[in-house]
Amino acid sequence: MPQVHVLGPDELRAAHVLFAASIHRDTVTDADWDAASRSYSPGRTVGVADGGALIGTATSFPTRTAVPGGAALDTSAVTRVGVRADRTRRGVLSAMMRAQLDEAVGRGEPLASLRASEARIYGRFGYGVASRGRHVSVNGRGAGWRREPAGEVRLVLGADIEPTLTALHDALALRRPGGITRREAWWRWQVAQPVEKHEHLIAAVHTGPDGDDGFALAVPLSEGTFAHRALKVNDLHAADDDATAALWAFLTGIDLVDRVDGWLRPVDEPLELLLADPRDCSVTGGEDETWLRLVDVPVALAARTWGDGPPVLVGVHDRLLPANDGVYRIGGGTAERADSPPELECDVDALAMAYLGDRAPSLLAATGWWRVHDATAPARADALFATDRLPWCGTYF
């Protein structure tokens, strides 16, 4: 097994160069490296070396993830994972992923989360797709909205964008399962630097009856002509459908804008129902969003709330973290270990697929992700795992 070590500050630039090469991108310039270096959390970057040269790297940062019921659990957000092209399929990635899981256990982080470049990679490390998003395109010259948007929308400009949106984000994002807190480095990279470089950002805030309750951040796309432009929504969080409709209506109503695209929007965002003509919203694609790993299954199960209904016994298998193995009795508002045969059984990656409410246990059972030992168990599990809203994060890292 390759030897994994925690990288020191003097090794981070090499790690960044290696990661950029692994995803076929240019690395940051010398001028931008100071800002990029601050996006690495101290002591959380690992690497593998061969002959004195770095051949693999992965990092993480601390965040919190909202789970059903409103609790927010400490989470290891895994990112910038890369292996040098001539050193792949030699156990380098496996060694780094195992090391990161061990570190998460040691830090007491019940969850780990990542965004996967390839879907076939991370299931073997216990990660499962726990939230999904869709890509949409809204016609800015269409029939408009079914009703006049409520509340007021104002633009936020320049240096005021970052503090205004930062203050709003966590309160809004953690209302929905799957939402995560954002660190200062994320805002610096995504907002502050573009503002300093005088890039054109459109930042809008919605004010409802109880104050500010939503925001959107959009940028113009390069396509189109002077009088026919398209915008891309990079960030939009809202407390309710009124705020959602008002923000989309504002963006589609901006002069010279023909179209507004949204990337990885919530699957249950009701744009078609809010528009006067539902065909003014086109779904252009969809993909997985959050890949979740339950690092501490007992803590994670105990932290979320459960629906009403008779209890169910779920057996969990975790090849990498065997302390999670066991049968869990879920029901009566609690989840705890049980000394009983399982009625349903799954691996830890398949448990993550249901944990936030994205996939019903009965669907996972029907497609072979969960194994059934009691024919009545899937329906009972559906009632217990059910959530009022589908999970969604809305933060890419």
Protein backbone atom coordinates (compact mmCIF):
# COMPACT_ATOMS: atom_id res chain seq x y z
CA MET A 1 0.00 0.00 0.00
CA PRO A 2 1.45 3.43 -0.93
CA GLN A 3 2.54 5.56 2.00
CA VAL A 4 0.35 8.61 2.63
CA HIS A 5 1.63 11.65 4.48
CA VAL A 6 0.16 14.99 5.50
CA LEU A 7 1.60 17.71 3.29
CA GLY A 8 3.35 20.71 4.74
CA PRO A 9 2.79 24.28 3.55
CA ASP A 10 5.80 24.06 1.27
CA GLU A 11 4.23 21.13 -0.63
CA LEU A 12 0.84 22.69 -1.35
CA ARG A 13 1.86 24.40 -4.58
CA ALA A 14 3.04 21.06 -6.01
CA ALA A 15 -0.23 19.48 -4.87
CA HIS A 16 -2.22 22.20 -6.62
CA VAL A 17 -0.24 21.76 -9.85
CA LEU A 18 -0.75 17.99 -9.71
CA PHE A 19 -4.49 18.28 -9.11
CA ALA A 20 -4.94 20.80 -11.94
CA ALA A 21 -3.08 18.50 -14.33
CA SER A 22 -5.22 15.51 -13.30
CA ILE A 23 -8.39 17.34 -14.42
CA HIS A 24 -6.67 18.82 -17.50
CA ARG A 25 -6.60 22.42 -16.37
CA ASP A 26 -3.86 25.01 -16.15
CA THR A 27 -2.63 25.72 -12.65
CA VAL A 28 -2.94 29.12 -11.00
CA THR A 29 -0.49 31.87 -11.83
CA ASP A 30 2.09 33.14 -9.37
CA ALA A 31 -0.09 36.21 -8.87
CA ASP A 32 -3.09 34.09 -7.85
CA TRP A 33 -1.26 31.48 -5.80
CA ASP A 34 -1.41 33.48 -2.55
CA ALA A 35 -5.20 33.48 -2.68
CA ALA A 36 -5.32 29.84 -3.78
CA SER A 37 -3.01 28.74 -1.00
CA ARG A 38 -5.40 30.17 1.59
CA SER A 39 -8.11 27.84 0.32
CA TYR A 40 -6.23 24.88 1.80
CA SER A 41 -7.20 24.10 5.40
CA PRO A 42 -4.11 23.55 7.59
CA GLY A 43 -3.18 19.91 8.14
CA ARG A 44 -5.90 18.49 5.90
CA THR A 45 -4.01 17.84 2.65
CA VAL A 46 -2.48 14.42 2.07
CA GLY A 47 -0.23 13.11 -0.62
CA VAL A 48 1.77 10.16 -1.90
CA ALA A 49 5.33 10.57 -3.19
CA ASP A 50 7.47 8.38 -5.42
CA GLY A 51 11.14 9.07 -5.83
CA GLY A 52 10.75 12.42 -4.13
CA ALA A 53 8.01 13.60 -6.52
CA LEU A 54 4.36 13.96 -5.58
CA ILE A 55 2.18 11.50 -7.52
CA GLY A 56 -1.13 11.82 -5.67
CA THR A 57 -2.94 14.35 -3.53
CA ALA A 58 -6.27 14.96 -1.85
CA THR A 59 -7.50 17.59 0.56
CA SER A 60 -10.55 18.42 2.64
CA PHE A 61 -12.00 21.28 4.62
CA PRO A 62 -14.38 21.37 7.56
CA THR A 63 -18.03 22.20 7.03
CA ARG A 64 -21.41 21.25 8.47
CA THR A 65 -24.20 19.44 6.63
CA ALA A 66 -27.90 19.89 7.36
CA VAL A 67 -29.73 16.60 7.90
CA PRO A 68 -33.50 15.96 8.05
CA GLY A 69 -34.95 17.61 11.13
CA GLY A 70 -32.59 20.59 11.17
CA ALA A 71 -29.43 19.30 12.83
CA ALA A 72 -26.11 20.19 11.18
CA LEU A 73 -23.33 17.60 11.43
CA ASP A 74 -19.60 18.20 11.20
CA THR A 75 -18.45 17.08 7.77
CA SER A 76 -15.16 16.47 5.99
CA ALA A 77 -15.61 18.08 2.56
CA VAL A 78 -13.24 16.18 0.29
CA THR A 79 -11.90 17.91 -2.80
CA ARG A 80 -8.91 18.34 -5.12
CA VAL A 81 -8.34 14.61 -5.44
CA GLY A 82 -5.87 13.70 -8.18
CA VAL A 83 -3.33 11.08 -9.17
CA ARG A 84 -0.58 11.64 -11.74
CA ALA A 85 -1.55 10.11 -15.09
CA ASP A 86 1.39 7.67 -15.14
CA ARG A 87 0.73 6.44 -11.58
CA THR A 88 -2.98 5.58 -11.71
CA ARG A 89 -4.39 2.12 -10.84
CA ARG A 90 -1.59 1.38 -8.40
CA GLY A 91 -3.47 1.89 -5.14
CA VAL A 92 -2.57 5.58 -4.71
CA LEU A 93 -6.17 6.82 -4.66
CA SER A 94 -7.30 3.99 -2.37
CA ALA A 95 -4.54 4.77 0.11
CA MET A 96 -5.44 8.48 0.22
CA MET A 97 -9.17 7.85 0.58
CA ARG A 98 -8.59 5.41 3.43
CA ALA A 99 -6.30 7.92 5.13
CA GLN A 100 -8.92 10.65 4.82
CA LEU A 101 -11.60 8.43 6.35
CA ASP A 102 -9.32 7.55 9.24
CA GLU A 103 -8.64 11.25 9.79
CA ALA A 104 -12.37 12.04 9.74
CA VAL A 105 -12.92 9.36 12.39
CA GLY A 106 -10.11 10.84 14.48
CA ARG A 107 -11.57 14.35 14.21
CA GLY A 108 -15.05 13.14 15.16
CA GLU A 109 -16.65 14.17 11.84
CA PRO A 110 -19.69 11.90 11.34
CA LEU A 111 -20.00 12.68 7.63
CA ALA A 112 -17.76 13.14 4.59
CA SER A 113 -18.88 14.66 1.31
CA LEU A 114 -17.48 15.19 -2.16
CA ARG A 115 -18.33 16.02 -5.76
CA ALA A 116 -17.36 13.19 -8.09
CA SER A 117 -15.66 13.72 -11.45
CA GLU A 118 -16.43 10.09 -12.34
CA ALA A 119 -19.39 8.18 -10.91
CA ARG A 120 -17.66 4.81 -10.86
CA ILE A 121 -14.86 5.81 -8.49
CA TYR A 122 -16.19 6.61 -5.05
CA GLY A 123 -18.82 3.97 -4.28
CA ARG A 124 -16.09 1.53 -3.32
CA PHE A 125 -15.05 3.95 -0.55
CA GLY A 126 -18.56 4.10 0.90
CA TYR A 127 -19.82 7.26 -0.83
CA GLY A 128 -23.32 7.26 -2.30
CA VAL A 129 -25.29 9.83 -4.30
CA ALA A 130 -27.34 11.66 -1.66
CA SER A 131 -28.62 14.63 -3.67
CA ARG A 132 -29.10 15.46 -7.34
CA GLY A 133 -29.62 18.59 -9.43
CA ARG A 134 -30.99 19.51 -12.82
CA HIS A 135 -29.88 22.04 -15.43
CA VAL A 136 -32.61 24.40 -16.61
CA SER A 137 -33.03 27.17 -19.15
CA VAL A 138 -35.75 29.81 -18.69
CA ASN A 139 -37.00 31.88 -21.62
CA GLY A 140 -36.61 35.57 -20.80
CA ARG A 141 -38.92 36.61 -23.64
CA GLY A 142 -41.70 34.16 -22.84
CA ALA A 143 -45.16 34.46 -21.31
CA GLY A 144 -43.89 35.56 -17.91
CA TRP A 145 -45.02 34.38 -14.50
CA ARG A 146 -48.39 33.14 -13.30
CA ARG A 147 -48.68 35.86 -10.68
CA GLU A 148 -46.91 39.10 -9.86
CA PRO A 149 -43.84 38.21 -7.78
CA ALA A 150 -44.19 39.17 -4.13
CA GLY A 151 -41.70 41.25 -2.18
CA GLU A 152 -38.88 43.43 -3.44
CA VAL A 153 -35.64 42.61 -5.24
CA ARG A 154 -32.60 44.87 -5.04
CA LEU A 155 -29.17 44.73 -6.62
CA VAL A 156 -26.08 44.48 -4.42
CA LEU A 157 -22.94 45.98 -5.89
CA GLY A 158 -19.19 45.57 -5.68
CA ALA A 159 -17.63 45.08 -2.27
CA ASP A 160 -21.06 44.71 -0.64
CA ILE A 161 -21.81 41.46 -2.46
CA GLU A 162 -19.68 39.12 -0.36
CA PRO A 163 -20.76 40.24 3.15
CA THR A 164 -24.42 40.50 2.13
CA LEU A 165 -24.63 37.05 0.58
CA THR A 166 -22.47 35.47 3.26
CA ALA A 167 -24.86 36.65 5.95
CA LEU A 168 -27.80 35.14 4.08
CA HIS A 169 -26.39 31.86 2.83
CA ASP A 170 -26.00 29.65 5.88
CA ALA A 171 -29.39 30.59 7.31
CA LEU A 172 -31.05 29.67 4.00
CA ALA A 173 -28.96 26.67 2.98
CA LEU A 174 -29.29 24.82 6.28
CA ARG A 175 -33.08 24.86 6.04
CA ARG A 176 -32.89 22.04 3.51
CA PRO A 177 -31.29 18.61 4.03
CA GLY A 178 -27.98 18.50 2.21
CA GLY A 179 -27.15 22.18 2.62
CA ILE A 180 -23.69 22.98 3.90
CA THR A 181 -21.96 25.94 5.51
CA ARG A 182 -19.46 27.86 3.41
CA ARG A 183 -16.03 28.89 4.55
CA GLU A 184 -14.41 32.25 3.92
CA ALA A 185 -12.10 30.79 1.25
CA TRP A 186 -15.11 29.72 -0.86
CA TRP A 187 -16.50 33.26 -0.90
CA ARG A 188 -13.06 34.67 -1.58
CA TRP A 189 -12.56 32.47 -4.63
CA GLN A 190 -16.08 32.70 -6.03
CA VAL A 191 -17.03 36.33 -5.25
CA ALA A 192 -14.33 38.56 -3.79
CA GLN A 193 -11.70 37.86 -6.44
CA PRO A 194 -14.07 38.36 -9.40
CA VAL A 195 -15.19 41.66 -7.86
CA GLU A 196 -11.58 42.76 -7.41
CA LYS A 197 -10.90 41.86 -11.06
CA HIS A 198 -13.95 43.91 -12.10
CA GLU A 199 -15.75 40.93 -13.56
CA HIS A 200 -19.46 41.50 -14.10
CA LEU A 201 -21.50 39.86 -11.35
CA ILE A 202 -25.24 40.32 -10.97
CA ALA A 203 -26.12 39.92 -7.30
CA ALA A 204 -29.77 40.27 -6.26
CA VAL A 205 -31.42 39.99 -2.85
CA HIS A 206 -35.11 39.38 -2.22
CA THR A 207 -36.88 40.97 0.73
CA GLY A 208 -40.10 39.38 1.97
CA PRO A 209 -42.44 40.26 4.83
CA ASP A 210 -39.89 39.11 7.41
CA GLY A 211 -36.79 40.62 5.83
CA ASP A 212 -34.19 39.35 3.38
CA ASP A 213 -35.06 35.76 2.44
CA GLY A 214 -33.27 34.93 -0.78
CA PHE A 215 -30.42 35.83 -3.11
CA ALA A 216 -29.17 35.10 -6.60
CA LEU A 217 -25.76 35.46 -8.19
CA ALA A 218 -25.53 35.37 -11.99
CA VAL A 219 -22.97 36.08 -14.68
CA PRO A 220 -23.40 36.84 -18.41
CA LEU A 221 -22.50 34.08 -20.84
CA SER A 222 -20.19 34.89 -23.74
CA GLU A 223 -22.69 33.78 -26.36
CA GLY A 224 -25.27 36.05 -27.96
CA THR A 225 -25.15 39.59 -29.30
CA PHE A 226 -25.26 43.05 -27.75
CA ALA A 227 -29.07 43.03 -27.58
CA HIS A 228 -29.58 39.30 -27.03
CA ARG A 229 -27.70 37.95 -24.04
CA ALA A 230 -27.91 34.94 -21.76
CA LEU A 231 -27.21 34.75 -18.04
CA LYS A 232 -26.03 31.81 -15.98
CA VAL A 233 -27.24 31.48 -12.39
CA ASN A 234 -24.26 30.34 -10.34
CA ASP A 235 -25.96 30.62 -6.96
CA LEU A 236 -29.58 30.98 -5.88
CA HIS A 237 -30.99 30.19 -2.45
CA ALA A 238 -34.45 31.16 -1.29
CA ALA A 239 -36.57 30.53 1.77
CA ASP A 240 -39.79 29.78 -0.12
CA ASP A 241 -41.45 29.67 -3.54
CA ASP A 242 -42.35 33.38 -3.44
CA ALA A 243 -38.70 34.37 -3.05
CA THR A 244 -37.66 31.81 -5.68
CA ALA A 245 -40.17 33.15 -8.22
CA ALA A 246 -39.25 36.78 -7.54
CA LEU A 247 -35.53 36.17 -8.04
CA TRP A 248 -36.01 34.24 -11.29
CA ALA A 249 -38.49 36.86 -12.51
CA PHE A 250 -35.99 39.61 -11.78
CA LEU A 251 -33.19 37.86 -13.68
CA THR A 252 -35.37 37.03 -16.70
CA GLY A 253 -36.67 40.59 -16.75
CA ILE A 254 -33.30 42.29 -17.03
CA ASP A 255 -32.98 44.32 -20.22
CA LEU A 256 -31.25 42.64 -23.18
CA VAL A 257 -31.55 39.19 -21.56
CA ASP A 258 -33.23 36.49 -23.66
CA ARG A 259 -32.44 33.47 -21.52
CA VAL A 260 -31.38 32.55 -17.98
CA ASP A 261 -29.71 29.20 -17.37
CA GLY A 262 -29.44 27.48 -14.03
CA TRP A 263 -26.89 24.74 -13.28
CA LEU A 264 -27.53 21.98 -10.73
CA ARG A 265 -30.76 23.51 -9.50
CA PRO A 266 -32.94 21.55 -7.02
CA VAL A 267 -34.89 18.73 -8.65
CA ASP A 268 -38.06 19.97 -6.91
CA GLU A 269 -37.66 23.68 -7.75
CA PRO A 270 -41.16 24.36 -9.19
CA LEU A 271 -40.24 26.68 -12.05
CA GLU A 272 -42.66 25.07 -14.49
CA LEU A 273 -45.54 25.66 -12.07
CA LEU A 274 -44.53 29.26 -11.39
CA LEU A 275 -44.31 30.23 -15.07
CA ALA A 276 -47.36 31.30 -17.07
CA ASP A 277 -46.24 28.90 -19.80
CA PRO A 278 -44.46 25.87 -18.31
CA ARG A 279 -42.67 25.32 -21.62
CA ASP A 280 -40.71 28.50 -20.97
CA CYS A 281 -38.59 26.31 -18.68
CA SER A 282 -36.54 23.64 -20.43
CA VAL A 283 -34.69 20.95 -18.52
CA THR A 284 -31.37 20.65 -20.34
CA GLY A 285 -29.75 17.98 -18.19
CA GLY A 286 -29.24 16.57 -14.75
CA GLU A 287 -26.56 14.93 -12.66
CA ASP A 288 -25.55 13.80 -9.24
CA GLU A 289 -24.60 16.49 -6.76
CA THR A 290 -23.69 15.39 -3.22
CA TRP A 291 -21.76 12.17 -2.74
CA LEU A 292 -22.15 11.44 0.97
CA ARG A 293 -20.22 9.12 3.22
CA LEU A 294 -21.55 8.15 6.66
CA VAL A 295 -18.31 8.02 8.64
CA ASP A 296 -20.04 7.36 11.97
CA VAL A 297 -23.29 5.54 11.20
CA PRO A 298 -24.69 5.48 14.77
CA VAL A 299 -24.14 9.22 15.23
CA ALA A 300 -25.50 10.08 11.78
CA LEU A 301 -28.65 7.97 12.23
CA ALA A 302 -29.29 9.37 15.70
CA ALA A 303 -28.92 12.97 14.49
CA ARG A 304 -31.72 13.07 11.90
CA THR A 305 -35.44 12.92 12.55
CA TRP A 306 -37.60 10.06 11.31
CA GLY A 307 -41.12 9.81 10.00
CA ASP A 308 -44.03 8.17 11.75
CA GLY A 309 -44.71 4.49 11.44
CA PRO A 310 -43.72 1.06 12.72
CA PRO A 311 -39.99 0.52 13.22
CA VAL A 312 -37.70 -1.29 10.81
CA LEU A 313 -34.45 -3.19 11.35
CA VAL A 314 -31.71 -2.21 8.91
CA GLY A 315 -28.44 -4.10 8.65
CA VAL A 316 -25.44 -2.02 7.53
CA HIS A 317 -22.12 -3.26 6.14
CA ASP A 318 -19.01 -1.09 5.96
CA ARG A 319 -15.92 -2.72 4.50
CA LEU A 320 -13.57 0.18 5.33
CA LEU A 321 -14.95 1.22 8.72
CA PRO A 322 -16.17 -2.01 10.34
CA ALA A 323 -17.16 -0.20 13.55
CA ASN A 324 -20.27 0.84 11.61
CA ASP A 325 -21.31 -2.75 10.92
CA GLY A 326 -24.47 -3.88 12.66
CA VAL A 327 -28.24 -3.84 12.75
CA TYR A 328 -30.03 -0.57 13.55
CA ARG A 329 -33.59 -0.27 14.80
CA ILE A 330 -35.14 2.84 13.25
CA GLY A 331 -38.49 4.07 14.53
CA GLY A 332 -40.23 5.86 17.36
CA GLY A 333 -38.18 8.94 16.56
CA THR A 334 -34.87 7.22 17.26
CA ALA A 335 -32.25 5.02 15.64
CA GLU A 336 -30.11 2.71 17.73
CA ARG A 337 -28.22 -0.55 17.53
CA ALA A 338 -30.25 -3.72 17.93
CA ASP A 339 -29.40 -7.36 18.60
CA SER A 340 -31.88 -8.71 16.05
CA PRO A 341 -31.84 -10.09 12.52
CA PRO A 342 -32.18 -7.40 9.84
CA GLU A 343 -35.36 -6.92 7.84
CA LEU A 344 -33.46 -4.83 5.28
CA GLU A 345 -29.75 -4.88 4.56
CA CYS A 346 -27.41 -2.55 2.65
CA ASP A 347 -23.85 -1.39 2.27
CA VAL A 348 -22.94 2.01 3.68
CA ASP A 349 -22.92 3.71 0.26
CA ALA A 350 -26.52 2.62 -0.36
CA LEU A 351 -27.52 3.85 3.10
CA ALA A 352 -26.19 7.30 2.15
CA MET A 353 -28.49 7.31 -0.88
CA ALA A 354 -31.54 7.25 1.43
CA TYR A 355 -30.13 9.09 4.44
CA LEU A 356 -31.01 12.66 3.37
CA GLY A 357 -34.25 11.60 1.68
CA ASP A 358 -33.18 11.53 -1.97
CA ARG A 359 -34.10 7.90 -2.73
CA ALA A 360 -36.85 5.82 -1.14
CA PRO A 361 -35.71 2.55 0.44
CA SER A 362 -38.34 0.66 -1.56
CA LEU A 363 -36.81 1.95 -4.81
CA LEU A 364 -33.32 1.04 -3.63
CA ALA A 365 -34.60 -2.42 -2.71
CA ALA A 366 -36.35 -2.87 -6.05
CA THR A 367 -33.15 -2.00 -7.92
CA GLY A 368 -30.88 -4.21 -5.83
CA TRP A 369 -29.12 -1.59 -3.73
CA TRP A 370 -30.84 -2.85 -0.58
CA ARG A 371 -31.59 -6.49 0.21
CA VAL A 372 -35.01 -7.47 1.57
CA HIS A 373 -35.59 -10.11 4.26
CA ASP A 374 -39.13 -9.04 5.19
CA ALA A 375 -41.50 -8.11 2.37
CA THR A 376 -43.27 -5.51 4.56
CA ALA A 377 -40.02 -3.73 5.49
CA PRO A 378 -39.52 -1.47 2.41
CA ALA A 379 -42.88 0.27 2.89
CA ARG A 380 -42.14 0.83 6.58
CA ALA A 381 -38.69 2.18 5.74
CA ASP A 382 -40.19 4.54 3.15
CA ALA A 383 -42.39 6.16 5.81
CA LEU A 384 -39.49 6.52 8.23
CA PHE A 385 -36.93 7.92 5.76
CA ALA A 386 -39.40 10.29 4.06
CA THR A 387 -38.67 14.04 4.13
CA ASP A 388 -40.75 17.11 3.32
CA ARG A 389 -38.21 18.35 0.73
CA LEU A 390 -35.71 16.63 -1.48
CA PRO A 391 -32.13 17.21 -0.38
CA TRP A 392 -29.96 19.71 -2.22
CA CYS A 393 -26.72 21.47 -1.42
CA GLY A 394 -26.18 24.25 -3.97
CA THR A 395 -22.48 24.63 -3.13
CA TYR A 396 -19.89 23.20 -5.49
CA PHE A 397 -16.40 22.57 -4.21
